N, C-alpha and C. Protein backbone atom coordinates (compact mmCIF):
# COMPACT_ATOMS: atom_id res chain seq x y z
N MET A 1 13.61 -10.32 25.21
CA MET A 1 13.62 -9.45 24.05
C MET A 1 12.54 -9.93 23.07
N ALA A 2 11.77 -8.95 22.56
CA ALA A 2 10.71 -9.28 21.62
C ALA A 2 11.32 -9.67 20.28
N GLN A 3 10.71 -10.66 19.67
CA GLN A 3 11.22 -11.14 18.40
C GLN A 3 10.24 -10.74 17.30
N MET A 4 10.72 -10.13 16.24
CA MET A 4 9.87 -9.69 15.14
C MET A 4 9.82 -10.79 14.09
N GLN A 5 8.60 -11.09 13.66
CA GLN A 5 8.42 -12.11 12.63
C GLN A 5 8.44 -11.43 11.26
N ILE A 6 9.28 -11.92 10.38
CA ILE A 6 9.40 -11.36 9.04
C ILE A 6 8.77 -12.34 8.06
N SER A 7 7.81 -11.86 7.32
CA SER A 7 7.11 -12.70 6.36
C SER A 7 7.98 -12.92 5.13
N THR A 8 8.02 -14.15 4.67
CA THR A 8 8.77 -14.45 3.45
C THR A 8 7.89 -14.29 2.22
N GLU A 9 6.58 -14.12 2.44
CA GLU A 9 5.67 -13.93 1.32
C GLU A 9 5.62 -12.44 0.95
N THR A 10 5.52 -12.18 -0.32
CA THR A 10 5.35 -10.81 -0.78
C THR A 10 3.86 -10.55 -0.91
N SER A 11 3.42 -9.44 -0.38
CA SER A 11 2.01 -9.08 -0.41
C SER A 11 1.51 -8.99 -1.85
N ALA A 12 0.29 -9.43 -2.06
CA ALA A 12 -0.33 -9.31 -3.38
C ALA A 12 -0.46 -7.84 -3.76
N TRP A 13 -0.67 -6.98 -2.76
CA TRP A 13 -0.77 -5.53 -3.02
C TRP A 13 0.56 -5.01 -3.55
N LEU A 14 1.67 -5.47 -2.97
CA LEU A 14 2.99 -5.00 -3.42
C LEU A 14 3.31 -5.51 -4.82
N LEU A 15 2.91 -6.74 -5.10
CA LEU A 15 3.14 -7.28 -6.44
C LEU A 15 2.35 -6.50 -7.48
N GLN A 16 1.13 -6.14 -7.12
CA GLN A 16 0.30 -5.37 -8.05
C GLN A 16 0.89 -3.97 -8.22
N ALA A 17 1.37 -3.37 -7.13
CA ALA A 17 2.00 -2.05 -7.21
C ALA A 17 3.22 -2.10 -8.13
N ARG A 18 4.00 -3.17 -8.02
CA ARG A 18 5.17 -3.33 -8.88
C ARG A 18 4.77 -3.36 -10.35
N ASP A 19 3.68 -4.07 -10.65
CA ASP A 19 3.22 -4.14 -12.03
C ASP A 19 2.78 -2.77 -12.55
N PHE A 20 2.10 -2.00 -11.69
CA PHE A 20 1.67 -0.67 -12.10
C PHE A 20 2.88 0.23 -12.36
N LEU A 21 3.89 0.15 -11.51
CA LEU A 21 5.08 0.97 -11.70
C LEU A 21 5.84 0.56 -12.96
N TYR A 22 5.89 -0.73 -13.22
CA TYR A 22 6.55 -1.21 -14.43
C TYR A 22 5.86 -0.64 -15.67
N GLU A 23 4.53 -0.68 -15.65
CA GLU A 23 3.78 -0.15 -16.78
C GLU A 23 3.96 1.36 -16.90
N ALA A 24 4.00 2.06 -15.77
CA ALA A 24 4.18 3.51 -15.78
C ALA A 24 5.53 3.89 -16.38
N ARG A 25 6.55 3.10 -16.08
CA ARG A 25 7.89 3.40 -16.62
C ARG A 25 7.95 3.26 -18.13
N ARG A 26 7.06 2.48 -18.68
CA ARG A 26 7.05 2.29 -20.14
C ARG A 26 6.39 3.45 -20.86
N LEU A 27 5.63 4.27 -20.13
CA LEU A 27 4.91 5.38 -20.74
C LEU A 27 5.73 6.66 -20.72
N LYS A 28 5.40 7.56 -21.63
CA LYS A 28 6.00 8.88 -21.62
C LYS A 28 5.37 9.68 -20.47
N PRO A 29 6.09 10.66 -19.95
CA PRO A 29 5.50 11.49 -18.87
C PRO A 29 4.17 12.09 -19.30
N GLY A 30 3.22 12.05 -18.39
CA GLY A 30 1.90 12.60 -18.67
C GLY A 30 0.89 12.12 -17.66
N PRO A 31 -0.37 12.45 -17.86
CA PRO A 31 -1.41 12.13 -16.88
C PRO A 31 -1.62 10.63 -16.66
N GLU A 32 -1.54 9.85 -17.72
CA GLU A 32 -1.74 8.40 -17.57
C GLU A 32 -0.63 7.79 -16.72
N ARG A 33 0.59 8.21 -16.97
CA ARG A 33 1.73 7.73 -16.18
C ARG A 33 1.58 8.14 -14.71
N ASN A 34 1.16 9.38 -14.49
CA ASN A 34 0.97 9.87 -13.12
C ASN A 34 -0.12 9.08 -12.39
N ASP A 35 -1.19 8.75 -13.12
CA ASP A 35 -2.27 7.96 -12.51
C ASP A 35 -1.76 6.58 -12.07
N LEU A 36 -0.96 5.95 -12.92
CA LEU A 36 -0.42 4.64 -12.57
C LEU A 36 0.50 4.72 -11.35
N ARG A 37 1.32 5.76 -11.31
CA ARG A 37 2.23 5.94 -10.16
C ARG A 37 1.44 6.19 -8.88
N GLN A 38 0.37 6.98 -8.96
CA GLN A 38 -0.46 7.25 -7.79
C GLN A 38 -1.16 5.99 -7.32
N THR A 39 -1.63 5.18 -8.26
CA THR A 39 -2.26 3.91 -7.90
C THR A 39 -1.28 3.00 -7.19
N ALA A 40 -0.06 2.94 -7.68
CA ALA A 40 0.97 2.11 -7.03
C ALA A 40 1.25 2.62 -5.62
N LYS A 41 1.24 3.91 -5.43
CA LYS A 41 1.47 4.49 -4.11
C LYS A 41 0.37 4.07 -3.13
N VAL A 42 -0.87 4.09 -3.59
CA VAL A 42 -1.99 3.67 -2.74
C VAL A 42 -1.89 2.18 -2.41
N LEU A 43 -1.52 1.37 -3.39
CA LEU A 43 -1.38 -0.07 -3.15
C LEU A 43 -0.27 -0.36 -2.13
N ARG A 44 0.82 0.39 -2.20
CA ARG A 44 1.89 0.21 -1.21
C ARG A 44 1.41 0.58 0.19
N GLU A 45 0.59 1.62 0.29
CA GLU A 45 0.04 2.02 1.58
C GLU A 45 -0.90 0.95 2.13
N ILE A 46 -1.71 0.37 1.27
CA ILE A 46 -2.59 -0.73 1.69
C ILE A 46 -1.77 -1.90 2.20
N ALA A 47 -0.70 -2.23 1.50
CA ALA A 47 0.18 -3.33 1.93
C ALA A 47 0.80 -3.02 3.29
N ARG A 48 1.21 -1.77 3.49
CA ARG A 48 1.81 -1.38 4.77
C ARG A 48 0.79 -1.51 5.91
N LEU A 49 -0.43 -1.08 5.66
CA LEU A 49 -1.48 -1.18 6.68
C LEU A 49 -1.84 -2.64 6.97
N GLU A 50 -1.86 -3.44 5.92
CA GLU A 50 -2.18 -4.86 6.08
C GLU A 50 -1.09 -5.60 6.87
N ALA A 51 0.15 -5.13 6.76
CA ALA A 51 1.27 -5.78 7.43
C ALA A 51 1.27 -5.51 8.94
N ALA A 52 0.46 -4.58 9.41
CA ALA A 52 0.39 -4.25 10.83
C ALA A 52 -0.99 -4.66 11.36
N PRO A 53 -1.25 -5.98 11.49
CA PRO A 53 -2.59 -6.44 11.87
C PRO A 53 -2.96 -6.11 13.32
N ASP A 54 -1.99 -5.82 14.17
CA ASP A 54 -2.30 -5.55 15.57
C ASP A 54 -2.84 -4.14 15.78
N GLN A 55 -2.76 -3.31 14.76
CA GLN A 55 -3.28 -1.95 14.86
C GLN A 55 -4.55 -1.84 14.04
N ASP A 56 -5.53 -1.13 14.57
CA ASP A 56 -6.80 -0.96 13.87
C ASP A 56 -6.65 0.16 12.85
N TRP A 57 -6.62 -0.17 11.56
CA TRP A 57 -6.41 0.82 10.51
C TRP A 57 -7.51 1.85 10.47
N ARG A 58 -8.73 1.49 10.92
CA ARG A 58 -9.83 2.45 10.88
C ARG A 58 -9.57 3.61 11.83
N LEU A 59 -8.88 3.33 12.93
CA LEU A 59 -8.57 4.40 13.86
C LEU A 59 -7.52 5.34 13.27
N ARG A 60 -6.58 4.79 12.53
CA ARG A 60 -5.52 5.62 11.95
C ARG A 60 -6.04 6.48 10.81
N THR A 61 -7.01 5.98 10.06
CA THR A 61 -7.50 6.72 8.90
C THR A 61 -8.72 7.56 9.22
N GLY A 62 -9.32 7.32 10.38
CA GLY A 62 -10.50 8.10 10.74
C GLY A 62 -11.77 7.61 10.09
N SER A 63 -11.75 6.43 9.47
CA SER A 63 -12.96 5.89 8.85
C SER A 63 -13.53 4.78 9.72
N GLY A 64 -14.63 4.27 9.32
CA GLY A 64 -15.25 3.19 10.06
C GLY A 64 -16.24 3.66 11.11
N GLY A 65 -16.54 4.96 11.12
CA GLY A 65 -17.55 5.47 12.02
C GLY A 65 -17.07 5.66 13.45
N GLU A 66 -15.82 5.34 13.72
CA GLU A 66 -15.30 5.49 15.07
C GLU A 66 -14.42 6.72 15.14
N SER A 67 -14.38 7.33 16.30
CA SER A 67 -13.54 8.50 16.48
C SER A 67 -12.08 8.10 16.62
N ALA A 68 -11.20 8.86 16.01
CA ALA A 68 -9.77 8.58 16.11
C ALA A 68 -9.18 9.12 17.40
N ILE A 69 -9.99 9.87 18.14
CA ILE A 69 -9.49 10.47 19.40
C ILE A 69 -9.93 9.64 20.58
């Protein structure tokens, strides 16, 4: 049976996303708050992609000059 390794370290991307969300919660609803929430969403996605090192993220996103097909 394959064993999954669970990291005890929290990604720097996730910590930064948490800070952005904390700051967004302090603001009233509006464009600035939405921008912070969107930034946190992107940082969480980066952390998720970084956590899967065995997969080539360029193939999943279609960047890097290589074909995803």
